[in-house]
Amino acid sequence: MIEITTYIKIFTTLLAIVNPLGAVPVFFSLTTHALEIERKRIAITASITVAIVLVISALIGQSLLMFFGISIASFRVGGGILLLLMSISMMQARQPRMKHTPEEEKEAEEKESIAVVPIAMPLLAGPGAISSTIIYTNESDSIIHLMLIVTISIVIAMITFLTLRVAIPLSRRISKTGINIITRLMGLLLASIAIEFITKGLRDLLPALS
């Protein structure tokens, strides 16, 4: 059984990657002309989608890697590089391009429902969140460990829902600069986690480095 501090670290890392606060400006811009009941529906759908994506990643992610013949060590290095790129963008207060593109955002404005794409995927539960969930799930074969990862995913989805529900008041109370400061701090944390992923993966692939 992994120590409780490790699960706190997993929760903090996934929360930093999903970064619901950083999604507030995008959510606000995409729902500017929506009614309050529509915003609530979009927030609920987006949050449920985030939970489903993360839980599925935890449950079958490792099986998919085995199916394609990908070792967890290689996946850890690749996921670490992806997180490092995301963290660099976050420390520059920019939305990572692997999360969503301007073209996707423009296309979303013309859709009836934007909750699943691009808000839930790839803005919130993007490649970084999916790969991190798979990597952390692989840390132990215990069913309790798996259930705790699933619980963390659901809690993060709930936090995402609450954040999106107060997106309008938040956008009025927290300036763009404030959100950028929080995003940069999250990016710094994410960079440290990314380096851990990469170094651990390289040690497994190249034992001589140890």
N, C-alpha and C. Protein backbone atom coordinates (compact mmCIF):
# COMPACT_ATOMS: atom_id res chain seq x y z
N MET A 1 0.84 -1.19 0.00
CA MET A 1 0.00 0.00 0.00
C MET A 1 0.88 1.26 0.00
N ILE A 2 0.59 2.16 -0.87
CA ILE A 2 1.36 3.40 -0.97
C ILE A 2 0.96 4.36 0.14
N GLU A 3 1.90 5.16 0.63
CA GLU A 3 1.63 6.10 1.71
C GLU A 3 0.62 7.16 1.27
N ILE A 4 -0.09 7.72 2.26
CA ILE A 4 -1.13 8.71 2.00
C ILE A 4 -0.56 9.96 1.35
N THR A 5 0.70 10.30 1.68
CA THR A 5 1.31 11.48 1.08
C THR A 5 1.45 11.34 -0.43
N THR A 6 1.62 10.10 -0.88
CA THR A 6 1.73 9.85 -2.32
C THR A 6 0.40 10.16 -3.01
N TYR A 7 -0.70 9.81 -2.36
CA TYR A 7 -2.01 10.07 -2.96
C TYR A 7 -2.33 11.57 -2.96
N ILE A 8 -1.83 12.26 -1.95
CA ILE A 8 -1.97 13.72 -1.95
C ILE A 8 -1.21 14.31 -3.13
N LYS A 9 -0.03 13.75 -3.39
CA LYS A 9 0.77 14.19 -4.54
C LYS A 9 0.06 13.88 -5.85
N ILE A 10 -0.53 12.69 -5.95
CA ILE A 10 -1.26 12.33 -7.16
C ILE A 10 -2.43 13.27 -7.39
N PHE A 11 -3.18 13.54 -6.32
CA PHE A 11 -4.32 14.46 -6.42
C PHE A 11 -3.87 15.84 -6.87
N THR A 12 -2.81 16.34 -6.25
CA THR A 12 -2.31 17.68 -6.59
C THR A 12 -1.83 17.75 -8.03
N THR A 13 -1.14 16.69 -8.47
CA THR A 13 -0.63 16.66 -9.84
C THR A 13 -1.76 16.65 -10.86
N LEU A 14 -2.73 15.77 -10.67
CA LEU A 14 -3.85 15.68 -11.62
C LEU A 14 -4.66 16.97 -11.61
N LEU A 15 -4.83 17.57 -10.44
CA LEU A 15 -5.57 18.83 -10.36
C LEU A 15 -4.83 19.93 -11.11
N ALA A 16 -3.50 19.94 -11.00
CA ALA A 16 -2.70 20.93 -11.71
C ALA A 16 -2.78 20.73 -13.23
N ILE A 17 -2.85 19.47 -13.66
CA ILE A 17 -2.92 19.19 -15.09
C ILE A 17 -4.29 19.56 -15.65
N VAL A 18 -5.34 19.12 -14.96
CA VAL A 18 -6.70 19.45 -15.41
C VAL A 18 -6.90 20.96 -15.36
N ASN A 19 -6.43 21.57 -14.27
CA ASN A 19 -6.40 23.03 -14.12
C ASN A 19 -7.76 23.68 -14.45
N PRO A 20 -8.81 23.37 -13.69
CA PRO A 20 -10.14 23.94 -13.98
C PRO A 20 -10.17 25.46 -13.90
N LEU A 21 -9.35 26.04 -13.00
CA LEU A 21 -9.33 27.50 -12.89
C LEU A 21 -8.80 28.13 -14.17
N GLY A 22 -7.79 27.48 -14.78
CA GLY A 22 -7.25 28.00 -16.03
C GLY A 22 -8.23 27.90 -17.19
N ALA A 23 -9.24 27.02 -17.04
CA ALA A 23 -10.24 26.86 -18.11
C ALA A 23 -11.37 27.87 -18.00
N VAL A 24 -11.41 28.63 -16.89
CA VAL A 24 -12.50 29.58 -16.67
C VAL A 24 -12.62 30.61 -17.81
N PRO A 25 -11.50 31.25 -18.26
CA PRO A 25 -11.65 32.24 -19.35
C PRO A 25 -12.22 31.64 -20.63
N VAL A 26 -11.79 30.40 -20.96
CA VAL A 26 -12.30 29.75 -22.17
C VAL A 26 -13.77 29.41 -22.00
N PHE A 27 -14.13 28.85 -20.84
CA PHE A 27 -15.53 28.52 -20.56
C PHE A 27 -16.40 29.77 -20.63
N PHE A 28 -15.90 30.86 -20.06
CA PHE A 28 -16.66 32.12 -20.06
C PHE A 28 -16.87 32.63 -21.49
N SER A 29 -15.80 32.57 -22.30
CA SER A 29 -15.90 33.09 -23.68
C SER A 29 -16.83 32.24 -24.54
N LEU A 30 -16.86 30.92 -24.29
CA LEU A 30 -17.69 30.03 -25.09
C LEU A 30 -19.15 30.02 -24.64
N THR A 31 -19.42 30.52 -23.43
CA THR A 31 -20.80 30.50 -22.92
C THR A 31 -21.32 31.91 -22.63
N THR A 32 -20.70 32.90 -23.26
CA THR A 32 -21.08 34.29 -23.00
C THR A 32 -22.57 34.53 -23.24
N HIS A 33 -23.10 33.97 -24.34
CA HIS A 33 -24.49 34.23 -24.71
C HIS A 33 -25.43 33.12 -24.25
N ALA A 34 -24.94 32.20 -23.44
CA ALA A 34 -25.79 31.10 -22.97
C ALA A 34 -26.58 31.52 -21.74
N LEU A 35 -27.75 30.91 -21.57
CA LEU A 35 -28.55 31.15 -20.38
C LEU A 35 -27.92 30.44 -19.19
N GLU A 36 -28.33 30.84 -17.98
CA GLU A 36 -27.75 30.25 -16.77
C GLU A 36 -28.00 28.75 -16.72
N ILE A 37 -29.19 28.31 -17.11
CA ILE A 37 -29.49 26.87 -17.09
C ILE A 37 -28.65 26.11 -18.11
N GLU A 38 -28.32 26.78 -19.21
CA GLU A 38 -27.46 26.15 -20.22
C GLU A 38 -26.03 26.04 -19.70
N ARG A 39 -25.55 27.08 -19.02
CA ARG A 39 -24.21 27.02 -18.43
C ARG A 39 -24.11 25.88 -17.43
N LYS A 40 -25.17 25.70 -16.61
CA LYS A 40 -25.17 24.62 -15.63
C LYS A 40 -25.11 23.27 -16.32
N ARG A 41 -25.90 23.11 -17.39
CA ARG A 41 -25.91 21.85 -18.12
C ARG A 41 -24.54 21.56 -18.74
N ILE A 42 -23.92 22.59 -19.29
CA ILE A 42 -22.60 22.43 -19.90
C ILE A 42 -21.57 22.04 -18.84
N ALA A 43 -21.64 22.70 -17.67
CA ALA A 43 -20.71 22.40 -16.58
C ALA A 43 -20.88 20.97 -16.09
N ILE A 44 -22.13 20.52 -15.96
CA ILE A 44 -22.39 19.15 -15.51
C ILE A 44 -21.86 18.15 -16.52
N THR A 45 -22.18 18.36 -17.79
CA THR A 45 -21.75 17.43 -18.84
C THR A 45 -20.24 17.37 -18.95
N ALA A 46 -19.59 18.53 -18.89
CA ALA A 46 -18.13 18.59 -18.99
C ALA A 46 -17.48 17.85 -17.82
N SER A 47 -18.00 18.05 -16.61
CA SER A 47 -17.43 17.43 -15.42
C SER A 47 -17.62 15.91 -15.45
N ILE A 48 -18.80 15.46 -15.86
CA ILE A 48 -19.04 14.02 -15.96
C ILE A 48 -18.11 13.40 -16.99
N THR A 49 -17.90 14.11 -18.10
CA THR A 49 -16.99 13.61 -19.13
C THR A 49 -15.56 13.50 -18.61
N VAL A 50 -15.13 14.50 -17.84
CA VAL A 50 -13.79 14.46 -17.24
C VAL A 50 -13.66 13.22 -16.34
N ALA A 51 -14.68 12.97 -15.51
CA ALA A 51 -14.65 11.81 -14.63
C ALA A 51 -14.58 10.51 -15.42
N ILE A 52 -15.40 10.40 -16.46
CA ILE A 52 -15.42 9.19 -17.27
C ILE A 52 -14.08 8.94 -17.94
N VAL A 53 -13.49 9.99 -18.52
CA VAL A 53 -12.21 9.85 -19.22
C VAL A 53 -11.11 9.40 -18.27
N LEU A 54 -11.03 10.03 -17.10
CA LEU A 54 -9.98 9.68 -16.14
C LEU A 54 -10.18 8.28 -15.55
N VAL A 55 -11.44 7.95 -15.26
CA VAL A 55 -11.71 6.62 -14.69
C VAL A 55 -11.42 5.52 -15.70
N ILE A 56 -11.83 5.72 -16.94
CA ILE A 56 -11.54 4.73 -17.99
C ILE A 56 -10.03 4.59 -18.18
N SER A 57 -9.31 5.71 -18.12
CA SER A 57 -7.85 5.67 -18.25
C SER A 57 -7.24 4.82 -17.14
N ALA A 58 -7.79 4.97 -15.93
CA ALA A 58 -7.28 4.21 -14.80
C ALA A 58 -7.60 2.72 -14.93
N LEU A 59 -8.79 2.41 -15.45
CA LEU A 59 -9.24 1.02 -15.49
C LEU A 59 -8.62 0.21 -16.63
N ILE A 60 -8.51 0.82 -17.81
CA ILE A 60 -8.06 0.05 -18.97
C ILE A 60 -6.80 0.60 -19.63
N GLY A 61 -6.25 1.67 -19.07
CA GLY A 61 -5.08 2.28 -19.69
C GLY A 61 -3.89 1.34 -19.80
N GLN A 62 -3.61 0.62 -18.74
CA GLN A 62 -2.47 -0.29 -18.75
C GLN A 62 -2.70 -1.45 -19.72
N SER A 63 -3.94 -1.91 -19.81
CA SER A 63 -4.26 -2.99 -20.75
C SER A 63 -4.04 -2.55 -22.20
N LEU A 64 -4.37 -1.29 -22.47
CA LEU A 64 -4.15 -0.76 -23.82
C LEU A 64 -2.66 -0.71 -24.15
N LEU A 65 -1.85 -0.31 -23.16
CA LEU A 65 -0.41 -0.28 -23.38
C LEU A 65 0.12 -1.68 -23.69
N MET A 66 -0.35 -2.67 -22.95
CA MET A 66 0.08 -4.04 -23.17
C MET A 66 -0.37 -4.53 -24.55
N PHE A 67 -1.57 -4.13 -24.96
CA PHE A 67 -2.09 -4.53 -26.27
C PHE A 67 -1.21 -4.02 -27.40
N PHE A 68 -0.73 -2.79 -27.25
CA PHE A 68 0.13 -2.19 -28.29
C PHE A 68 1.61 -2.48 -28.06
N GLY A 69 1.93 -3.24 -27.03
CA GLY A 69 3.31 -3.60 -26.78
C GLY A 69 4.17 -2.46 -26.29
N ILE A 70 3.57 -1.52 -25.56
CA ILE A 70 4.30 -0.36 -25.04
C ILE A 70 4.61 -0.58 -23.57
N SER A 71 5.87 -0.48 -23.19
CA SER A 71 6.24 -0.65 -21.79
C SER A 71 5.85 0.59 -20.99
N ILE A 72 5.58 0.38 -19.71
CA ILE A 72 5.21 1.52 -18.87
C ILE A 72 6.37 2.49 -18.72
N ALA A 73 7.61 1.97 -18.81
CA ALA A 73 8.78 2.85 -18.71
C ALA A 73 8.83 3.81 -19.90
N SER A 74 8.60 3.28 -21.10
CA SER A 74 8.59 4.13 -22.29
C SER A 74 7.44 5.14 -22.22
N PHE A 75 6.30 4.67 -21.75
CA PHE A 75 5.14 5.55 -21.63
C PHE A 75 5.38 6.63 -20.59
N ARG A 76 6.12 6.26 -19.52
CA ARG A 76 6.43 7.25 -18.48
C ARG A 76 7.33 8.35 -19.03
N VAL A 77 8.32 7.99 -19.85
CA VAL A 77 9.20 8.99 -20.45
C VAL A 77 8.40 9.88 -21.40
N GLY A 78 7.58 9.25 -22.26
CA GLY A 78 6.77 10.03 -23.19
C GLY A 78 5.79 10.94 -22.47
N GLY A 79 5.13 10.41 -21.43
CA GLY A 79 4.21 11.23 -20.66
C GLY A 79 4.92 12.36 -19.95
N GLY A 80 6.13 12.10 -19.46
CA GLY A 80 6.90 13.14 -18.79
C GLY A 80 7.27 14.28 -19.73
N ILE A 81 7.65 13.91 -20.96
CA ILE A 81 7.98 14.94 -21.96
C ILE A 81 6.75 15.77 -22.27
N LEU A 82 5.60 15.10 -22.41
CA LEU A 82 4.35 15.81 -22.68
C LEU A 82 4.02 16.78 -21.54
N LEU A 83 4.16 16.31 -20.30
CA LEU A 83 3.88 17.18 -19.16
C LEU A 83 4.87 18.34 -19.09
N LEU A 84 6.12 18.09 -19.45
CA LEU A 84 7.12 19.14 -19.43
C LEU A 84 6.77 20.24 -20.43
N LEU A 85 6.32 19.84 -21.62
CA LEU A 85 5.90 20.82 -22.62
C LEU A 85 4.70 21.62 -22.13
N MET A 86 3.76 20.91 -21.48
CA MET A 86 2.59 21.60 -20.92
C MET A 86 3.00 22.59 -19.85
N SER A 87 3.93 22.17 -18.98
CA SER A 87 4.35 23.04 -17.88
C SER A 87 5.05 24.29 -18.39
N ILE A 88 5.82 24.15 -19.47
CA ILE A 88 6.51 25.31 -20.05
C ILE A 88 5.48 26.32 -20.55
N SER A 89 4.43 25.82 -21.22
CA SER A 89 3.37 26.72 -21.70
C SER A 89 2.66 27.38 -20.53
N MET A 90 2.40 26.59 -19.46
CA MET A 90 1.70 27.14 -18.30
C MET A 90 2.54 28.21 -17.60
N MET A 91 3.86 27.99 -17.51
CA MET A 91 4.72 28.98 -16.86
C MET A 91 4.83 30.26 -17.68
N GLN A 92 4.47 30.17 -18.96
CA GLN A 92 4.40 31.36 -19.82
C GLN A 92 2.98 31.91 -19.89
N ALA A 93 2.09 31.34 -19.02
CA ALA A 93 0.69 31.77 -18.94
C ALA A 93 -0.03 31.60 -20.26
N ARG A 94 0.29 30.51 -20.97
CA ARG A 94 -0.40 30.21 -22.22
C ARG A 94 -1.05 28.85 -22.10
N GLN A 95 -2.25 28.70 -22.74
CA GLN A 95 -2.89 27.40 -22.78
C GLN A 95 -2.06 26.47 -23.66
N PRO A 96 -1.68 25.29 -23.16
CA PRO A 96 -0.91 24.35 -23.97
C PRO A 96 -1.62 24.00 -25.26
N ARG A 97 -0.89 23.99 -26.40
CA ARG A 97 -1.51 23.70 -27.69
C ARG A 97 -2.04 22.28 -27.78
N MET A 98 -1.48 21.34 -26.95
CA MET A 98 -1.99 19.97 -27.00
C MET A 98 -3.34 19.86 -26.32
N LYS A 99 -3.76 20.94 -25.64
CA LYS A 99 -5.08 20.92 -25.02
C LYS A 99 -6.16 21.35 -26.01
N HIS A 100 -5.98 22.48 -26.63
CA HIS A 100 -6.93 22.88 -27.66
C HIS A 100 -6.29 23.95 -28.53
N THR A 101 -6.79 24.09 -29.72
CA THR A 101 -6.25 25.05 -30.66
C THR A 101 -7.27 26.15 -30.92
N PRO A 102 -6.84 27.31 -31.44
CA PRO A 102 -7.79 28.37 -31.78
C PRO A 102 -8.85 27.89 -32.78
N GLU A 103 -8.45 27.00 -33.68
CA GLU A 103 -9.41 26.48 -34.66
C GLU A 103 -10.51 25.68 -33.98
N GLU A 104 -10.13 24.88 -32.97
CA GLU A 104 -11.12 24.09 -32.24
C GLU A 104 -12.04 25.00 -31.44
N GLU A 105 -11.48 26.06 -30.87
CA GLU A 105 -12.30 26.99 -30.09
C GLU A 105 -13.29 27.72 -31.00
N LYS A 106 -12.83 28.13 -32.20
CA LYS A 106 -13.71 28.81 -33.14
C LYS A 106 -14.83 27.89 -33.61
N GLU A 107 -14.47 26.62 -33.87
CA GLU A 107 -15.46 25.64 -34.31
C GLU A 107 -16.47 25.37 -33.20
N ALA A 108 -16.00 25.40 -31.96
CA ALA A 108 -16.88 25.12 -30.82
C ALA A 108 -17.98 26.16 -30.68
N GLU A 109 -17.68 27.39 -31.07
CA GLU A 109 -18.66 28.45 -30.97
C GLU A 109 -19.86 28.20 -31.87
N GLU A 110 -19.69 27.38 -32.89
CA GLU A 110 -20.76 27.11 -33.83
C GLU A 110 -21.51 25.83 -33.47
N LYS A 111 -21.09 25.12 -32.43
CA LYS A 111 -21.73 23.87 -32.05
C LYS A 111 -22.84 24.13 -31.05
N GLU A 112 -23.84 23.24 -31.05
CA GLU A 112 -24.91 23.35 -30.09
C GLU A 112 -24.41 22.97 -28.69
N SER A 113 -23.55 21.96 -28.61
CA SER A 113 -23.01 21.53 -27.33
C SER A 113 -21.50 21.58 -27.37
N ILE A 114 -20.93 22.31 -26.41
CA ILE A 114 -19.47 22.45 -26.34
C ILE A 114 -18.93 21.78 -25.09
N ALA A 115 -19.79 21.10 -24.36
CA ALA A 115 -19.39 20.54 -23.07
C ALA A 115 -18.33 19.45 -23.22
N VAL A 116 -18.54 18.54 -24.19
CA VAL A 116 -17.60 17.43 -24.36
C VAL A 116 -16.37 17.88 -25.11
N VAL A 117 -16.57 18.52 -26.26
CA VAL A 117 -15.47 19.04 -27.08
C VAL A 117 -15.74 20.51 -27.35
N PRO A 118 -14.86 21.43 -26.99
CA PRO A 118 -13.49 21.18 -26.50
C PRO A 118 -13.30 21.32 -25.00
N ILE A 119 -14.38 21.61 -24.23
CA ILE A 119 -14.18 21.91 -22.81
C ILE A 119 -13.66 20.70 -22.04
N ALA A 120 -14.42 19.57 -22.08
CA ALA A 120 -13.98 18.39 -21.34
C ALA A 120 -12.73 17.78 -21.97
N MET A 121 -12.81 17.60 -23.30
CA MET A 121 -11.68 17.07 -24.07
C MET A 121 -11.47 17.96 -25.29
N PRO A 122 -10.28 18.48 -25.49
CA PRO A 122 -9.06 18.19 -24.71
C PRO A 122 -8.67 19.26 -23.70
N LEU A 123 -9.55 20.26 -23.46
CA LEU A 123 -9.16 21.37 -22.59
C LEU A 123 -8.87 20.92 -21.16
N LEU A 124 -9.75 20.09 -20.58
CA LEU A 124 -9.58 19.65 -19.20
C LEU A 124 -8.90 18.27 -19.12
N ALA A 125 -9.59 17.25 -19.61
CA ALA A 125 -9.02 15.89 -19.58
C ALA A 125 -8.32 15.60 -20.89
N GLY A 126 -7.17 16.22 -21.06
CA GLY A 126 -6.40 16.06 -22.29
C GLY A 126 -5.37 14.95 -22.18
N PRO A 127 -4.44 14.89 -23.13
CA PRO A 127 -3.41 13.84 -23.13
C PRO A 127 -2.58 13.80 -21.86
N GLY A 128 -2.28 14.97 -21.29
CA GLY A 128 -1.48 15.01 -20.07
C GLY A 128 -2.17 14.34 -18.90
N ALA A 129 -3.46 14.63 -18.71
CA ALA A 129 -4.23 14.03 -17.62
C ALA A 129 -4.39 12.53 -17.83
N ILE A 130 -4.64 12.12 -19.07
CA ILE A 130 -4.83 10.71 -19.37
C ILE A 130 -3.54 9.92 -19.12
N SER A 131 -2.43 10.42 -19.64
CA SER A 131 -1.15 9.71 -19.47
C SER A 131 -0.73 9.66 -18.01
N SER A 132 -0.95 10.74 -17.27
CA SER A 132 -0.58 10.76 -15.84
C SER A 132 -1.42 9.77 -15.05
N THR A 133 -2.71 9.69 -15.36
CA THR A 133 -3.59 8.74 -14.68
C THR A 133 -3.12 7.30 -14.90
N ILE A 134 -2.76 6.98 -16.14
CA ILE A 134 -2.28 5.64 -16.46
C ILE A 134 -0.99 5.33 -15.71
N ILE A 135 -0.07 6.30 -15.69
CA ILE A 135 1.22 6.11 -15.03
C ILE A 135 1.04 5.90 -13.53
N TYR A 136 0.21 6.73 -12.90
CA TYR A 136 0.00 6.61 -11.46
C TYR A 136 -0.74 5.32 -11.10
N THR A 137 -1.66 4.89 -11.95
CA THR A 137 -2.38 3.64 -11.69
C THR A 137 -1.43 2.46 -11.69
N ASN A 138 -0.38 2.54 -12.51
CA ASN A 138 0.58 1.45 -12.63
C ASN A 138 1.53 1.34 -11.43
N GLU A 139 1.48 2.33 -10.52
CA GLU A 139 2.40 2.32 -9.37
C GLU A 139 2.15 1.14 -8.43
N SER A 140 0.94 0.57 -8.46
CA SER A 140 0.62 -0.55 -7.58
C SER A 140 -0.46 -1.41 -8.21
N ASP A 141 -0.42 -2.72 -7.91
CA ASP A 141 -1.42 -3.65 -8.41
C ASP A 141 -2.59 -3.82 -7.45
N SER A 142 -2.54 -3.13 -6.33
CA SER A 142 -3.58 -3.24 -5.31
C SER A 142 -4.91 -2.69 -5.81
N ILE A 143 -5.99 -3.41 -5.51
CA ILE A 143 -7.33 -2.93 -5.89
C ILE A 143 -7.68 -1.67 -5.11
N ILE A 144 -7.16 -1.57 -3.88
CA ILE A 144 -7.39 -0.36 -3.08
C ILE A 144 -6.75 0.85 -3.76
N HIS A 145 -5.53 0.64 -4.28
CA HIS A 145 -4.84 1.71 -5.00
C HIS A 145 -5.66 2.17 -6.20
N LEU A 146 -6.19 1.20 -6.96
CA LEU A 146 -7.01 1.54 -8.12
C LEU A 146 -8.24 2.32 -7.72
N MET A 147 -8.90 1.88 -6.64
CA MET A 147 -10.11 2.57 -6.18
C MET A 147 -9.80 3.99 -5.71
N LEU A 148 -8.63 4.18 -5.10
CA LEU A 148 -8.24 5.52 -4.66
C LEU A 148 -7.98 6.43 -5.86
N ILE A 149 -7.37 5.89 -6.92
CA ILE A 149 -7.15 6.68 -8.12
C ILE A 149 -8.49 7.07 -8.74
N VAL A 150 -9.44 6.13 -8.77
CA VAL A 150 -10.78 6.41 -9.29
C VAL A 150 -11.45 7.48 -8.43
N THR A 151 -11.30 7.37 -7.11
CA THR A 151 -11.89 8.37 -6.21
C THR A 151 -11.30 9.75 -6.45
N ILE A 152 -9.99 9.81 -6.61
CA ILE A 152 -9.32 11.08 -6.90
C ILE A 152 -9.84 11.68 -8.20
N SER A 153 -10.04 10.85 -9.21
CA SER A 153 -10.56 11.32 -10.49
C SER A 153 -11.95 11.92 -10.34
N ILE A 154 -12.79 11.27 -9.54
CA ILE A 154 -14.15 11.77 -9.33
C ILE A 154 -14.14 13.08 -8.55
N VAL A 155 -13.27 13.16 -7.53
CA VAL A 155 -13.16 14.40 -6.74
C VAL A 155 -12.71 15.55 -7.62
N ILE A 156 -11.75 15.30 -8.51
CA ILE A 156 -11.28 16.34 -9.41
C ILE A 156 -12.40 16.79 -10.35
N ALA A 157 -13.21 15.84 -10.81
CA ALA A 157 -14.36 16.18 -11.66
C ALA A 157 -15.35 17.05 -10.89
N MET A 158 -15.56 16.77 -9.60
CA MET A 158 -16.46 17.58 -8.78
C MET A 158 -15.91 18.99 -8.59
N ILE A 159 -14.60 19.09 -8.36
CA ILE A 159 -13.98 20.41 -8.24
C ILE A 159 -14.11 21.18 -9.55
N THR A 160 -13.96 20.47 -10.66
CA THR A 160 -14.13 21.09 -11.98
C THR A 160 -15.53 21.64 -12.14
N PHE A 161 -16.53 20.86 -11.73
CA PHE A 161 -17.92 21.32 -11.82
C PHE A 161 -18.14 22.59 -11.00
N LEU A 162 -17.66 22.58 -9.76
CA LEU A 162 -17.84 23.75 -8.89
C LEU A 162 -17.14 24.98 -9.47
N THR A 163 -15.96 24.76 -10.04
CA THR A 163 -15.21 25.89 -10.63
C THR A 163 -15.95 26.47 -11.83
N LEU A 164 -16.46 25.60 -12.71
CA LEU A 164 -17.17 26.07 -13.89
C LEU A 164 -18.49 26.74 -13.52
N ARG A 165 -19.12 26.26 -12.44
CA ARG A 165 -20.39 26.85 -12.03
C ARG A 165 -20.21 28.29 -11.54
N VAL A 166 -19.05 28.57 -10.97
CA VAL A 166 -18.81 29.94 -10.48
C VAL A 166 -17.89 30.69 -11.44
N ALA A 167 -17.84 30.25 -12.70
CA ALA A 167 -16.95 30.87 -13.69
C ALA A 167 -17.25 32.35 -13.86
N ILE A 168 -18.53 32.70 -13.91
CA ILE A 168 -18.90 34.11 -14.12
C ILE A 168 -18.46 34.98 -12.94
N PRO A 169 -18.83 34.62 -11.68
CA PRO A 169 -18.34 35.43 -10.55
C PRO A 169 -16.82 35.44 -10.45
N LEU A 170 -16.18 34.29 -10.75
CA LEU A 170 -14.72 34.22 -10.68
C LEU A 170 -14.07 35.17 -11.68
N SER A 171 -14.64 35.21 -12.89
CA SER A 171 -14.08 36.06 -13.93
C SER A 171 -14.18 37.54 -13.56
N ARG A 172 -15.12 37.86 -12.67
CA ARG A 172 -15.27 39.24 -12.23
C ARG A 172 -14.39 39.56 -11.04
N ARG A 173 -14.16 38.55 -10.18
CA ARG A 173 -13.39 38.76 -8.96
C ARG A 173 -11.89 38.54 -9.14
N ILE A 174 -11.55 37.56 -9.99
CA ILE A 174 -10.14 37.27 -10.22
C ILE A 174 -9.72 37.81 -11.57
N SER A 175 -8.75 38.67 -11.57
CA SER A 175 -8.29 39.28 -12.82
C SER A 175 -7.54 38.25 -13.66
N LYS A 176 -7.32 38.59 -14.91
CA LYS A 176 -6.54 37.74 -15.80
C LYS A 176 -5.14 37.53 -15.23
N THR A 177 -4.59 38.57 -14.62
CA THR A 177 -3.26 38.46 -14.01
C THR A 177 -3.26 37.45 -12.88
N GLY A 178 -4.32 37.46 -12.07
CA GLY A 178 -4.43 36.51 -10.97
C GLY A 178 -4.46 35.07 -11.45
N ILE A 179 -5.25 34.83 -12.49
CA ILE A 179 -5.33 33.48 -13.07
C ILE A 179 -3.97 33.08 -13.65
N ASN A 180 -3.29 34.02 -14.28
CA ASN A 180 -1.96 33.73 -14.86
C ASN A 180 -0.95 33.36 -13.78
N ILE A 181 -1.03 34.03 -12.62
CA ILE A 181 -0.10 33.73 -11.52
C ILE A 181 -0.32 32.31 -11.02
N ILE A 182 -1.60 31.94 -10.84
CA ILE A 182 -1.92 30.58 -10.37
C ILE A 182 -1.49 29.55 -11.41
N THR A 183 -1.71 29.87 -12.68
CA THR A 183 -1.33 28.94 -13.76
C THR A 183 0.18 28.74 -13.78
N ARG A 184 0.95 29.81 -13.57
CA ARG A 184 2.41 29.69 -13.55
C ARG A 184 2.88 28.82 -12.38
N LEU A 185 2.26 28.99 -11.21
CA LEU A 185 2.62 28.16 -10.07
C LEU A 185 2.31 26.69 -10.33
N MET A 186 1.15 26.43 -10.94
CA MET A 186 0.78 25.06 -11.30
C MET A 186 1.77 24.50 -12.33
N GLY A 187 2.21 25.34 -13.24
CA GLY A 187 3.17 24.92 -14.26
C GLY A 187 4.50 24.54 -13.66
N LEU A 188 4.94 25.29 -12.63
CA LEU A 188 6.20 24.99 -11.95
C LEU A 188 6.11 23.64 -11.25
N LEU A 189 4.97 23.39 -10.59
CA LEU A 189 4.76 22.09 -9.94
C LEU A 189 4.76 20.97 -10.96
N LEU A 190 4.11 21.22 -12.07
CA LEU A 190 4.00 20.21 -13.12
C LEU A 190 5.35 19.88 -13.73
N ALA A 191 6.21 20.88 -13.86
CA ALA A 191 7.55 20.65 -14.41
C ALA A 191 8.34 19.71 -13.52
N SER A 192 8.21 19.88 -12.21
CA SER A 192 8.92 19.00 -11.27
C SER A 192 8.43 17.56 -11.40
N ILE A 193 7.11 17.38 -11.51
CA ILE A 193 6.54 16.04 -11.66
C ILE A 193 6.99 15.43 -12.99
N ALA A 194 7.05 16.24 -14.04
CA ALA A 194 7.46 15.75 -15.36
C ALA A 194 8.89 15.22 -15.32
N ILE A 195 9.78 15.94 -14.65
CA ILE A 195 11.17 15.49 -14.54
C ILE A 195 11.24 14.16 -13.78
N GLU A 196 10.41 14.00 -12.75
CA GLU A 196 10.37 12.73 -12.02
C GLU A 196 9.93 11.59 -12.93
N PHE A 197 8.91 11.83 -13.73
CA PHE A 197 8.43 10.82 -14.68
C PHE A 197 9.56 10.40 -15.63
N ILE A 198 10.23 11.41 -16.19
CA ILE A 198 11.26 11.13 -17.20
C ILE A 198 12.44 10.37 -16.58
N THR A 199 12.93 10.83 -15.44
CA THR A 199 14.10 10.19 -14.82
C THR A 199 13.78 8.76 -14.38
N LYS A 200 12.59 8.55 -13.82
CA LYS A 200 12.22 7.19 -13.40
C LYS A 200 12.07 6.28 -14.60
N GLY A 201 11.48 6.79 -15.68
CA GLY A 201 11.33 6.00 -16.88
C GLY A 201 12.67 5.63 -17.50
N LEU A 202 13.59 6.59 -17.51
CA LEU A 202 14.92 6.34 -18.07
C LEU A 202 15.70 5.33 -17.23
N ARG A 203 15.54 5.38 -15.90
CA ARG A 203 16.21 4.40 -15.04
C ARG A 203 15.70 3.00 -15.31
N ASP A 204 14.40 2.88 -15.60
CA ASP A 204 13.84 1.56 -15.90
C ASP A 204 14.28 1.06 -17.27
N LEU A 205 14.39 1.98 -18.23
CA LEU A 205 14.82 1.59 -19.58
C LEU A 205 16.29 1.35 -19.66
N LEU A 206 17.06 2.15 -18.91
CA LEU A 206 18.53 2.06 -18.94
C LEU A 206 19.05 1.87 -17.52
N PRO A 207 19.02 0.64 -17.01
CA PRO A 207 19.43 0.38 -15.63
C PRO A 207 20.83 0.87 -15.30
N ALA A 208 21.68 0.96 -16.31
CA ALA A 208 23.06 1.41 -16.07
C ALA A 208 23.11 2.83 -15.52
N LEU A 209 22.05 3.62 -15.78
CA LEU A 209 22.02 5.00 -15.30
C LEU A 209 21.90 5.05 -13.77
N SER A 210 21.41 3.97 -13.18
CA SER A 210 21.27 3.94 -11.72
C SER A 210 22.62 3.72 -11.04
